[in-house]
């Protein structure tokens, strides 16, 4: 690859690879110096790629792309945005793989992972070969592996590498979760989406975006990247739909439960443990049996149906595909050790998703004559305003809850819990900072017909404590261990 073919104003310098981590530089690579994230947006994230240009040179970098020159023995080329340059170089390095795939992007506050999983499975059941990138997993055709990065939308270099793998594996479609931070940081730059879909927009990452307007504007970028012949899939029950739809140059498909839309649902309920509803769409009416818990998954299924329809699937084939889909890991996932009560693990960590899963948990508990018991905390170095809100939600919807530790980062875990408690007045709860013991306490309190809901960690395999130190933590495995202990007492 010639640097001048990608970055205007640079010489025709041949480079063999791209890296933004100096430890991954090989001889002949171009090093891209990523700027420091402002302290007010990401407390504790102090690394600046410009501090590592000399280290990249020592490892044989042919050149560095920078936003300001530094003392280092290699050619440096100044650009307005190294994030944009990284995305452009990554796409060129991998031969612009997005041009050989049908690209689907899904954004929103909640439900992105499940929607990506649903539409990917529906497309595959209809004979397409699909790759995806989500909070929980990566998939390339028949190969799937866990996303351990703790980034939903990974950096542009990794995105383009994944897309190249999908092309090489014969995939027809790539379905990508698109976060507000990922979009704002240009990680999906250069991807012209054939379909852009929204789930819902409530509030998240306010520590980063500061205002709702900034949050919405970041998510709107996905719709600005829709190909002129593409489709915007919009949740007509969400006020943000009009704002997003106005940014997309192509046509729109809508879905809703309450509003008029292209795809709607009626007669929502449960039958033999499965969520059932009637799907109303351009192809008429189809009965859907969805093996997932949570009425909020009706929205995710409607979004998946609209995306699949935009990609040419018939409505009956979509309904049939939805009957066979599996839940995303750590999303209302059942943990069963023969106990006389339900245990569910979920990732809910925003006020809206937390209220949704607690509302569903309460309905399940009341249907079996039991109580709702909840275990949760809040992450450190994230939006502090949500902590008392979630405390108030638990006090209102749970019969009993246990407040505990959850990714404190560099914050004092006890102070985080105290901020949750500020909204929990009137609720029946205990504080147990040891998360494993908090689960044990909830299981000890549970009886026949109860629902124990453990939220916040879901699929994750680590907990971040004392700054950036990660300790191994598998919520589902630990819940099963403690449940088995409780059942053997």
Protein backbone atom coordinates (compact mmCIF):
# COMPACT_ATOMS: atom_id res chain seq x y z
CA UNK A 1 0.00 0.00 0.00
CA UNK A 2 1.29 3.47 -0.90
CA UNK A 3 0.71 6.03 1.81
CA UNK A 4 -0.01 8.71 -0.81
CA UNK A 5 -2.95 6.67 -2.15
CA UNK A 6 -4.74 7.12 1.16
CA UNK A 7 -3.43 10.23 2.93
CA UNK A 8 -3.37 13.36 0.78
CA UNK A 9 -0.09 15.26 0.89
CA UNK A 10 2.09 12.31 1.81
CA UNK A 11 4.82 10.83 -0.42
CA UNK A 12 4.41 7.52 -2.31
CA UNK A 13 5.89 5.61 0.60
CA UNK A 14 5.23 1.87 0.62
CA UNK A 15 3.95 0.52 3.93
CA UNK A 16 3.27 -3.11 4.79
CA UNK A 17 0.83 -2.67 7.64
CA UNK A 18 -0.90 -0.32 10.07
CA UNK A 19 -0.82 -0.17 13.87
CA UNK A 20 -2.07 2.24 16.53
CA UNK A 21 -0.46 0.24 19.37
CA UNK A 22 3.33 0.65 19.24
CA UNK A 23 3.77 -2.87 20.62
CA UNK A 24 2.21 -4.26 17.43
CA UNK A 25 4.41 -2.35 15.02
CA UNK A 26 6.47 -4.44 12.63
CA UNK A 27 9.15 -3.23 10.19
CA UNK A 28 7.56 -1.29 7.35
CA UNK A 29 4.35 -0.44 9.24
CA UNK A 30 2.84 3.01 9.52
CA UNK A 31 2.08 3.98 13.11
CA UNK A 32 -1.04 6.04 13.75
CA UNK A 33 -0.82 8.16 16.91
CA UNK A 34 -4.30 8.17 18.41
CA UNK A 35 -5.03 11.28 20.51
CA UNK A 36 -5.62 11.20 24.25
CA UNK A 37 -9.27 10.98 25.19
CA UNK A 38 -10.16 14.14 27.16
CA UNK A 39 -10.15 13.59 30.93
CA UNK A 40 -13.67 14.96 31.25
CA UNK A 41 -14.94 12.27 28.88
CA UNK A 42 -12.98 9.28 30.13
CA UNK A 43 -11.45 9.68 33.59
CA UNK A 44 -8.28 7.68 33.94
CA UNK A 45 -7.81 7.15 30.17
CA UNK A 46 -4.57 9.11 29.87
CA UNK A 47 -2.68 7.37 27.07
CA UNK A 48 -1.75 9.42 24.04
CA UNK A 49 -0.37 7.71 20.96
CA UNK A 50 2.00 10.61 20.40
CA UNK A 51 3.90 9.49 23.49
CA UNK A 52 4.72 6.22 21.73
CA UNK A 53 5.94 7.42 18.32
CA UNK A 54 9.56 6.89 19.32
CA UNK A 55 8.73 3.36 20.50
CA UNK A 56 7.12 2.68 17.13
CA UNK A 57 10.22 3.97 15.37
CA UNK A 58 12.40 1.63 17.44
CA UNK A 59 10.30 -1.30 16.26
CA UNK A 60 10.86 -0.38 12.60
CA UNK A 61 7.90 1.83 11.70
CA UNK A 62 8.33 3.39 8.26
CA UNK A 63 6.34 6.50 9.18
CA UNK A 64 3.93 7.94 11.72
CA UNK A 65 0.64 9.73 11.19
CA UNK A 66 0.26 12.36 13.88
CA UNK A 67 -1.80 15.37 14.88
CA UNK A 68 1.33 17.15 16.11
CA UNK A 69 5.02 16.48 15.51
CA UNK A 70 7.08 14.88 18.28
CA UNK A 71 10.75 14.09 18.77
CA UNK A 72 11.24 10.73 17.05
CA UNK A 73 13.61 9.42 14.33
CA UNK A 74 11.10 8.69 11.54
CA UNK A 75 9.03 10.58 8.96
CA UNK A 76 5.89 12.13 10.49
CA UNK A 77 2.87 13.40 8.60
CA UNK A 78 0.44 15.74 10.34
CA UNK A 79 -3.29 15.28 9.71
CA UNK A 80 -6.34 16.98 11.28
CA UNK A 81 -7.65 13.67 12.69
CA UNK A 82 -5.59 10.55 13.19
CA UNK A 83 -8.80 8.63 13.95
CA UNK A 84 -10.07 9.41 10.46
CA UNK A 85 -6.67 8.52 9.02
CA UNK A 86 -6.67 5.18 10.87
CA UNK A 87 -10.07 4.29 9.42
CA UNK A 88 -9.01 5.25 5.89
CA UNK A 89 -5.73 3.35 6.13
CA UNK A 90 -7.42 0.28 7.61
CA UNK A 91 -9.98 0.11 4.82
CA UNK A 92 -7.30 0.50 2.15
CA UNK A 93 -4.97 -2.02 3.81
CA UNK A 94 -7.68 -4.68 3.71
CA UNK A 95 -8.88 -3.86 0.20
CA UNK A 96 -12.12 -2.06 1.13
CA UNK A 97 -13.93 -5.25 2.18
CA UNK A 98 -17.18 -3.47 3.04
CA UNK A 99 -17.75 -2.92 -0.69
CA UNK A 100 -18.07 -6.70 -1.14
CA UNK A 101 -20.63 -7.22 1.64
CA UNK A 102 -24.16 -6.19 2.46
CA UNK A 103 -23.54 -4.02 5.51
CA UNK A 104 -26.14 -3.74 8.29
CA UNK A 105 -25.59 -1.42 11.25
CA UNK A 106 -27.67 -1.40 14.42
CA UNK A 107 -27.58 1.46 16.92
CA UNK A 108 -29.64 2.48 19.95
CA UNK A 109 -29.40 2.50 23.73
CA UNK A 110 -30.70 -1.00 24.47
CA UNK A 111 -31.33 -4.15 22.46
CA UNK A 112 -28.53 -3.81 19.92
CA UNK A 113 -26.83 -7.13 20.65
CA UNK A 114 -30.06 -9.12 20.64
CA UNK A 115 -31.27 -7.46 17.44
CA UNK A 116 -27.97 -8.24 15.69
CA UNK A 117 -28.14 -11.84 16.87
CA UNK A 118 -31.77 -12.22 15.74
CA UNK A 119 -31.34 -10.77 12.28
CA UNK A 120 -28.11 -12.71 11.74
CA UNK A 121 -29.79 -15.99 12.61
CA UNK A 122 -32.85 -15.22 10.49
CA UNK A 123 -30.64 -14.41 7.50
CA UNK A 124 -28.62 -17.60 8.00
CA UNK A 125 -31.72 -19.76 8.29
CA UNK A 126 -32.76 -18.30 4.94
CA UNK A 127 -29.48 -19.41 3.36
CA UNK A 128 -27.29 -16.33 3.69
CA UNK A 129 -23.76 -16.49 5.09
CA UNK A 130 -23.34 -13.93 7.83
CA UNK A 131 -20.67 -12.37 9.98
CA UNK A 132 -21.28 -10.05 12.90
CA UNK A 133 -19.61 -7.99 15.60
CA UNK A 134 -21.42 -7.42 18.90
CA UNK A 135 -20.81 -6.65 22.56
CA UNK A 136 -20.72 -10.38 23.28
CA UNK A 137 -19.28 -12.13 20.23
CA UNK A 138 -17.64 -11.95 16.84
CA UNK A 139 -18.73 -14.27 14.04
CA UNK A 140 -17.29 -15.00 10.61
CA UNK A 141 -19.38 -17.54 8.70
CA UNK A 142 -19.23 -20.76 10.77
CA UNK A 143 -16.61 -19.48 13.22
CA UNK A 144 -17.73 -17.62 16.35
CA UNK A 145 -15.72 -16.41 19.34
CA UNK A 146 -16.20 -14.26 22.40
CA UNK A 147 -15.57 -10.53 22.30
CA UNK A 148 -13.14 -10.01 25.17
CA UNK A 149 -12.26 -6.42 24.26
CA UNK A 150 -15.03 -4.83 26.37
CA UNK A 151 -15.65 -2.63 23.32
CA UNK A 152 -18.92 -3.07 21.48
CA UNK A 153 -17.70 -1.29 18.36
CA UNK A 154 -14.00 -2.11 18.15
CA UNK A 155 -11.42 0.20 16.58
CA UNK A 156 -11.47 0.81 12.83
CA UNK A 157 -8.44 -1.39 12.23
CA UNK A 158 -10.14 -4.39 13.84
CA UNK A 159 -13.46 -3.63 12.11
CA UNK A 160 -11.83 -3.68 8.67
CA UNK A 161 -9.87 -6.83 9.51
CA UNK A 162 -13.12 -8.56 10.52
CA UNK A 163 -14.83 -7.43 7.33
CA UNK A 164 -11.91 -8.79 5.27
CA UNK A 165 -12.20 -12.14 7.08
CA UNK A 166 -15.92 -12.20 6.29
CA UNK A 167 -15.30 -11.57 2.60
CA UNK A 168 -12.60 -14.23 2.46
CA UNK A 169 -14.95 -16.71 4.21
CA UNK A 170 -17.66 -16.13 1.61
CA UNK A 171 -20.07 -14.12 3.77
CA UNK A 172 -22.78 -12.18 2.02
CA UNK A 173 -23.70 -10.01 5.02
CA UNK A 174 -21.97 -8.22 7.89
CA UNK A 175 -24.13 -7.07 10.80
CA UNK A 176 -22.45 -4.62 13.17
CA UNK A 177 -23.38 -3.02 16.47
CA UNK A 178 -22.76 0.71 16.22
CA UNK A 179 -22.30 2.56 19.50
CA UNK A 180 -22.43 6.31 19.96
CA UNK A 181 -18.79 6.37 21.07
CA UNK A 182 -17.70 4.15 18.20
CA UNK A 183 -19.48 6.35 15.68
CA UNK A 184 -18.14 9.57 17.19
CA UNK A 185 -14.61 8.15 17.17
CA UNK A 186 -14.82 7.27 13.46
CA UNK A 187 -14.46 3.52 13.99
CA UNK A 188 -17.04 2.85 11.25
CA UNK A 189 -15.78 5.54 8.89
CA UNK A 190 -15.68 4.27 5.31
CA UNK A 191 -18.55 1.80 5.81
CA UNK A 192 -21.45 2.58 3.48
CA UNK A 193 -24.36 0.77 5.11
CA UNK A 194 -27.06 -0.93 3.09
CA UNK A 195 -29.30 -0.95 6.17
CA UNK A 196 -29.08 1.21 9.29
CA UNK A 197 -31.44 0.34 12.13
CA UNK A 198 -32.28 1.89 15.49
CA UNK A 199 -33.60 0.06 18.55
CA UNK A 200 -34.48 2.81 21.04
CA UNK A 201 -32.83 5.92 22.38
CA UNK A 202 -33.05 6.71 26.07
CA UNK A 203 -29.90 7.71 27.96
CA UNK A 204 -26.44 6.20 28.23
CA UNK A 205 -22.81 7.32 28.17
CA UNK A 206 -23.74 10.75 29.48
CA UNK A 207 -20.34 10.78 31.14
CA UNK A 208 -18.94 10.85 27.60
CA UNK A 209 -21.47 12.85 25.59
CA UNK A 210 -22.57 15.24 28.38
CA UNK A 211 -25.83 16.17 26.63
CA UNK A 212 -28.65 14.21 25.03
CA UNK A 213 -28.21 16.30 21.88
CA UNK A 214 -24.59 15.15 21.55
CA UNK A 215 -25.63 11.54 22.21
CA UNK A 216 -28.31 11.67 19.51
CA UNK A 217 -25.97 13.37 17.05
CA UNK A 218 -23.38 10.63 17.51
CA UNK A 219 -25.93 7.88 16.81
CA UNK A 220 -27.32 9.81 13.85
CA UNK A 221 -23.97 9.35 12.11
CA UNK A 222 -24.94 5.76 11.32
CA UNK A 223 -27.87 6.97 9.23
CA UNK A 224 -25.70 9.57 7.52
CA UNK A 225 -23.55 6.63 6.35
CA UNK A 226 -26.43 4.82 4.63
CA UNK A 227 -25.80 4.18 0.95
CA UNK A 228 -28.14 6.24 -1.30
CA UNK A 229 -29.89 3.00 -2.28
CA UNK A 230 -30.06 1.76 1.31
CA UNK A 231 -32.79 1.50 3.93
CA UNK A 232 -33.25 3.10 7.35
CA UNK A 233 -35.14 0.89 9.83
CA UNK A 234 -36.81 3.07 12.45
CA UNK A 235 -38.66 2.44 15.71
CA UNK A 236 -41.78 4.54 15.17
CA UNK A 237 -42.59 4.36 18.89
CA UNK A 238 -39.39 6.30 19.65
CA UNK A 239 -39.29 10.11 19.25
CA UNK A 240 -35.77 9.91 17.78
CA UNK A 241 -37.01 8.03 14.70
CA UNK A 242 -37.86 11.18 12.74
CA UNK A 243 -34.47 12.74 13.54
CA UNK A 244 -32.57 9.64 12.40
CA UNK A 245 -34.75 9.07 9.35
CA UNK A 246 -34.11 12.61 8.09
CA UNK A 247 -30.38 11.83 7.93
CA UNK A 248 -30.72 8.75 5.70
CA UNK A 249 -30.71 9.37 1.94
CA UNK A 250 -32.70 6.25 0.99
CA UNK A 251 -36.09 4.83 1.91
CA UNK A 252 -37.32 3.90 5.37
CA UNK A 253 -39.09 0.94 6.96
CA UNK A 254 -40.74 1.40 10.35
CA UNK A 255 -41.73 -0.90 13.18
CA UNK A 256 -43.73 -0.28 16.34
CA UNK A 257 -46.11 -1.76 18.88
CA UNK A 258 -48.18 1.35 19.60
CA UNK A 259 -47.76 3.57 16.53
CA UNK A 260 -48.72 2.84 12.93
CA UNK A 261 -45.78 1.24 11.16
CA UNK A 262 -44.74 -1.15 8.40
CA UNK A 263 -44.20 -3.92 10.97
CA UNK A 264 -46.28 -4.18 14.14
CA UNK A 265 -47.13 -6.80 16.77
CA UNK A 266 -50.41 -7.77 18.40
CA UNK A 267 -51.64 -10.45 20.83
CA UNK A 268 -48.33 -10.48 22.71
CA UNK A 269 -48.12 -13.12 25.43
CA UNK A 270 -46.48 -16.32 26.62
CA UNK A 271 -47.22 -19.87 25.57
CA UNK A 272 -45.34 -22.81 27.08
CA UNK A 273 -42.48 -20.57 28.15
CA UNK A 274 -42.08 -18.85 24.77
CA UNK A 275 -42.95 -15.30 23.81
CA UNK A 276 -45.67 -15.31 21.14
CA UNK A 277 -47.21 -12.56 19.02
CA UNK A 278 -48.81 -11.89 15.67
CA UNK A 279 -46.54 -10.12 13.19
CA UNK A 280 -48.32 -7.64 10.91
CA UNK A 281 -46.28 -6.55 7.92
CA UNK A 282 -46.28 -5.97 4.16
CA UNK A 283 -46.72 -9.74 3.71
CA UNK A 284 -49.88 -9.90 5.82
CA UNK A 285 -50.12 -11.52 9.26
CA UNK A 286 -47.75 -14.22 10.55
CA UNK A 287 -47.72 -16.02 13.89
CA UNK A 288 -44.38 -15.81 15.69
CA UNK A 289 -43.14 -17.97 18.55
CA UNK A 290 -39.95 -16.49 20.03
CA UNK A 291 -37.97 -18.57 22.47
CA UNK A 292 -36.89 -15.52 24.47
CA UNK A 293 -38.07 -13.88 27.67
CA UNK A 294 -39.04 -10.24 27.93
CA UNK A 295 -41.70 -8.33 26.08
CA UNK A 296 -39.00 -5.82 25.10
CA UNK A 297 -37.73 -8.58 22.82
CA UNK A 298 -40.83 -8.06 20.69
CA UNK A 299 -39.27 -4.75 19.66
CA UNK A 300 -35.98 -6.48 18.90
CA UNK A 301 -37.80 -9.12 16.84
CA UNK A 302 -39.72 -6.44 14.92
CA UNK A 303 -36.48 -4.61 14.15
CA UNK A 304 -34.91 -7.86 12.96
CA UNK A 305 -37.98 -8.58 10.81
CA UNK A 306 -37.80 -5.17 9.15
CA UNK A 307 -34.06 -5.55 8.47
CA UNK A 308 -34.53 -9.03 7.01
CA UNK A 309 -37.39 -7.76 4.85
CA UNK A 310 -35.17 -4.93 3.61
CA UNK A 311 -32.67 -7.62 2.62
CA UNK A 312 -35.23 -9.41 0.48
CA UNK A 313 -36.65 -12.12 2.76
CA UNK A 314 -40.34 -12.98 2.57
CA UNK A 315 -42.37 -12.33 5.70
CA UNK A 316 -43.29 -15.99 6.24
CA UNK A 317 -39.61 -16.94 6.03
CA UNK A 318 -38.82 -14.24 8.58
CA UNK A 319 -41.50 -15.54 10.96
CA UNK A 320 -40.22 -19.08 10.55
CA UNK A 321 -36.67 -17.93 11.23
CA UNK A 322 -37.71 -16.14 14.41
CA UNK A 323 -39.14 -19.41 15.73
CA UNK A 324 -35.65 -20.94 15.71
CA UNK A 325 -33.45 -18.14 17.03
CA UNK A 326 -31.38 -18.37 20.21
CA UNK A 327 -30.90 -15.64 22.80
CA UNK A 328 -27.70 -13.64 23.00
CA UNK A 329 -25.45 -14.72 25.90
CA UNK A 330 -26.20 -13.01 29.19
CA UNK A 331 -29.51 -11.57 28.00
CA UNK A 332 -32.31 -12.83 30.28
CA UNK A 333 -30.33 -16.08 30.34
CA UNK A 334 -31.79 -18.83 32.48
CA UNK A 335 -29.56 -20.48 35.09
CA UNK A 336 -30.97 -23.80 36.21
CA UNK A 337 -29.71 -26.15 38.93
CA UNK A 338 -33.05 -27.76 39.71
CA UNK A 339 -34.13 -24.95 42.04
CA UNK A 340 -37.84 -24.17 42.67
CA UNK A 341 -37.40 -20.57 41.52
CA UNK A 342 -36.16 -18.87 38.36
CA UNK A 343 -32.70 -17.34 38.08
CA UNK A 344 -32.00 -14.97 35.21
CA UNK A 345 -28.74 -13.21 34.30
CA UNK A 346 -28.98 -10.04 32.24
CA UNK A 347 -26.65 -7.28 31.04
CA UNK A 348 -29.08 -4.43 31.86
CA UNK A 349 -27.00 -1.47 33.03
CA UNK A 350 -28.89 1.58 31.78
CA UNK A 351 -31.94 3.00 33.57
CA UNK A 352 -34.24 2.04 30.69
CA UNK A 353 -32.97 -1.52 30.26
CA UNK A 354 -32.93 -2.00 34.03
CA UNK A 355 -36.56 -0.93 34.33
CA UNK A 356 -37.53 -3.12 31.36
CA UNK A 357 -35.98 -6.30 32.76
CA UNK A 358 -37.32 -5.64 36.26
CA UNK A 359 -40.79 -5.05 34.85
CA UNK A 360 -40.56 -8.34 33.00
CA UNK A 361 -39.14 -10.12 36.04
CA UNK A 362 -41.96 -8.83 38.19
CA UNK A 363 -44.56 -10.03 35.68
CA UNK A 364 -42.97 -13.49 35.64
CA UNK A 365 -42.89 -13.61 39.43
CA UNK A 366 -46.50 -12.50 39.82
CA UNK A 367 -47.63 -15.07 37.25
CA UNK A 368 -46.19 -17.83 39.45
CA UNK A 369 -47.28 -16.28 42.74
CA UNK A 370 -43.74 -15.37 43.75
CA UNK A 371 -41.53 -12.40 44.50
CA UNK A 372 -38.93 -10.52 42.47
CA UNK A 373 -35.43 -10.51 44.00
CA UNK A 374 -32.70 -8.48 42.30
CA UNK A 375 -28.91 -8.32 42.58
CA UNK A 376 -27.22 -5.30 41.02
CA UNK A 377 -24.71 -2.48 41.30
CA UNK A 378 -23.41 0.28 39.02
CA UNK A 379 -20.11 0.65 37.19
CA UNK A 380 -17.53 3.17 38.32
CA UNK A 381 -16.29 6.01 36.12
CA UNK A 382 -19.59 6.05 34.23
CA UNK A 383 -22.69 8.22 34.33
CA UNK A 384 -23.25 8.83 38.05
CA UNK A 385 -26.72 10.31 37.56
CA UNK A 386 -28.19 6.89 36.78
CA UNK A 387 -27.28 5.42 40.18
CA UNK A 388 -30.13 6.86 42.31
CA UNK A 389 -32.52 6.35 39.38
CA UNK A 390 -31.77 2.64 39.33
CA UNK A 391 -32.04 2.51 43.11
CA UNK A 392 -35.52 4.03 42.88
CA UNK A 393 -36.50 1.56 40.16
CA UNK A 394 -35.42 -1.38 42.30
CA UNK A 395 -37.30 0.01 45.32
CA UNK A 396 -40.45 0.32 43.20
CA UNK A 397 -40.36 -2.99 41.31
CA UNK A 398 -38.40 -5.49 43.42
CA UNK A 399 -39.69 -7.14 46.58
CA UNK A 400 -36.13 -7.45 47.81
CA UNK A 401 -32.76 -6.50 46.34
CA UNK A 402 -29.09 -6.81 47.16
CA UNK A 403 -26.73 -3.95 46.27
CA UNK A 404 -23.23 -5.05 45.39
CA UNK A 405 -19.95 -4.33 43.61
CA UNK A 406 -19.84 -3.97 39.82
CA UNK A 407 -16.77 -2.84 37.85
CA UNK A 408 -15.80 -0.03 40.25
CA UNK A 409 -12.73 0.93 38.18
CA UNK A 410 -10.88 3.51 40.31
CA UNK A 411 -13.93 4.63 42.31
CA UNK A 412 -14.68 3.59 45.87
CA UNK A 413 -17.22 0.72 45.50
CA UNK A 414 -18.93 1.66 48.74
CA UNK A 415 -19.45 5.23 47.55
CA UNK A 416 -21.07 3.92 44.35
CA UNK A 417 -23.50 1.87 46.43
CA UNK A 418 -24.23 4.86 48.65
CA UNK A 419 -25.22 6.83 45.55
CA UNK A 420 -27.58 4.01 44.50
CA UNK A 421 -29.03 3.99 48.03
CA UNK A 422 -29.86 7.69 47.69
CA UNK A 423 -32.74 6.67 45.41
CA UNK A 424 -33.67 3.41 47.14
CA UNK A 425 -35.68 4.83 50.04
CA UNK A 426 -38.64 2.65 50.93
CA UNK A 427 -37.20 -0.43 49.30
CA UNK A 428 -36.40 -3.69 51.07
CA UNK A 429 -32.71 -4.33 50.50
CA UNK A 430 -29.33 -5.29 51.89
CA UNK A 431 -25.80 -4.32 50.96
CA UNK A 432 -23.27 -7.10 50.28
CA UNK A 433 -20.17 -5.76 48.52
CA UNK A 434 -18.86 -9.22 47.63
CA UNK A 435 -20.79 -9.97 44.43
CA UNK A 436 -20.56 -13.75 44.84
CA UNK A 437 -21.94 -13.49 48.37
CA UNK A 438 -24.63 -11.12 47.14
CA UNK A 439 -25.84 -13.86 44.80
CA UNK A 440 -25.72 -16.38 47.64
CA UNK A 441 -27.80 -14.05 49.80
CA UNK A 442 -30.41 -13.67 47.06
CA UNK A 443 -30.63 -17.45 46.54
CA UNK A 444 -31.00 -18.00 50.28
CA UNK A 445 -33.91 -15.57 50.33
CA UNK A 446 -35.67 -17.09 47.32
CA UNK A 447 -38.53 -19.55 47.54
CA UNK A 448 -40.87 -21.43 45.24
CA UNK A 449 -42.19 -19.28 42.41
CA UNK A 450 -39.75 -16.40 42.99
CA UNK A 451 -37.64 -14.81 40.26
CA UNK A 452 -34.02 -13.88 41.03
CA UNK A 453 -32.67 -11.38 38.51
CA UNK A 454 -28.92 -10.64 38.45
CA UNK A 455 -28.13 -7.64 36.28
CA UNK A 456 -25.21 -5.57 35.05
CA UNK A 457 -22.55 -8.06 34.00
CA UNK A 458 -24.35 -10.48 31.68
CA UNK A 459 -21.87 -12.11 29.31
CA UNK A 460 -18.72 -10.36 30.58
CA UNK A 461 -15.74 -12.42 31.72
CA UNK A 462 -13.94 -9.89 33.89
CA UNK A 463 -14.46 -7.19 36.49
CA UNK A 464 -12.42 -4.00 36.46
CA UNK A 465 -11.16 -2.94 39.88
CA UNK A 466 -8.61 -0.45 41.19
CA UNK A 467 -8.22 1.45 37.94
CA UNK A 468 -7.62 -0.82 34.95
CA UNK A 469 -6.91 -4.08 36.81
CA UNK A 470 -9.08 -6.91 35.53
CA UNK A 471 -10.02 -9.91 37.60
CA UNK A 472 -11.64 -13.01 36.13
CA UNK A 473 -15.40 -12.93 36.55
CA UNK A 474 -17.97 -15.08 34.73
CA UNK A 475 -21.37 -14.05 36.07
CA UNK A 476 -23.24 -17.05 34.66
CA UNK A 477 -20.74 -19.62 35.91
CA UNK A 478 -20.53 -18.06 39.37
CA UNK A 479 -24.31 -17.82 39.61
CA UNK A 480 -24.54 -21.53 38.77
CA UNK A 481 -21.89 -22.42 41.35
CA UNK A 482 -23.65 -20.48 44.12
CA UNK A 483 -27.01 -21.87 43.08
CA UNK A 484 -25.72 -25.43 43.26
CA UNK A 485 -24.31 -24.73 46.72
CA UNK A 486 -27.68 -23.34 47.82
CA UNK A 487 -29.50 -26.39 46.48
CA UNK A 488 -27.13 -28.78 48.29
CA UNK A 489 -27.48 -27.17 51.71
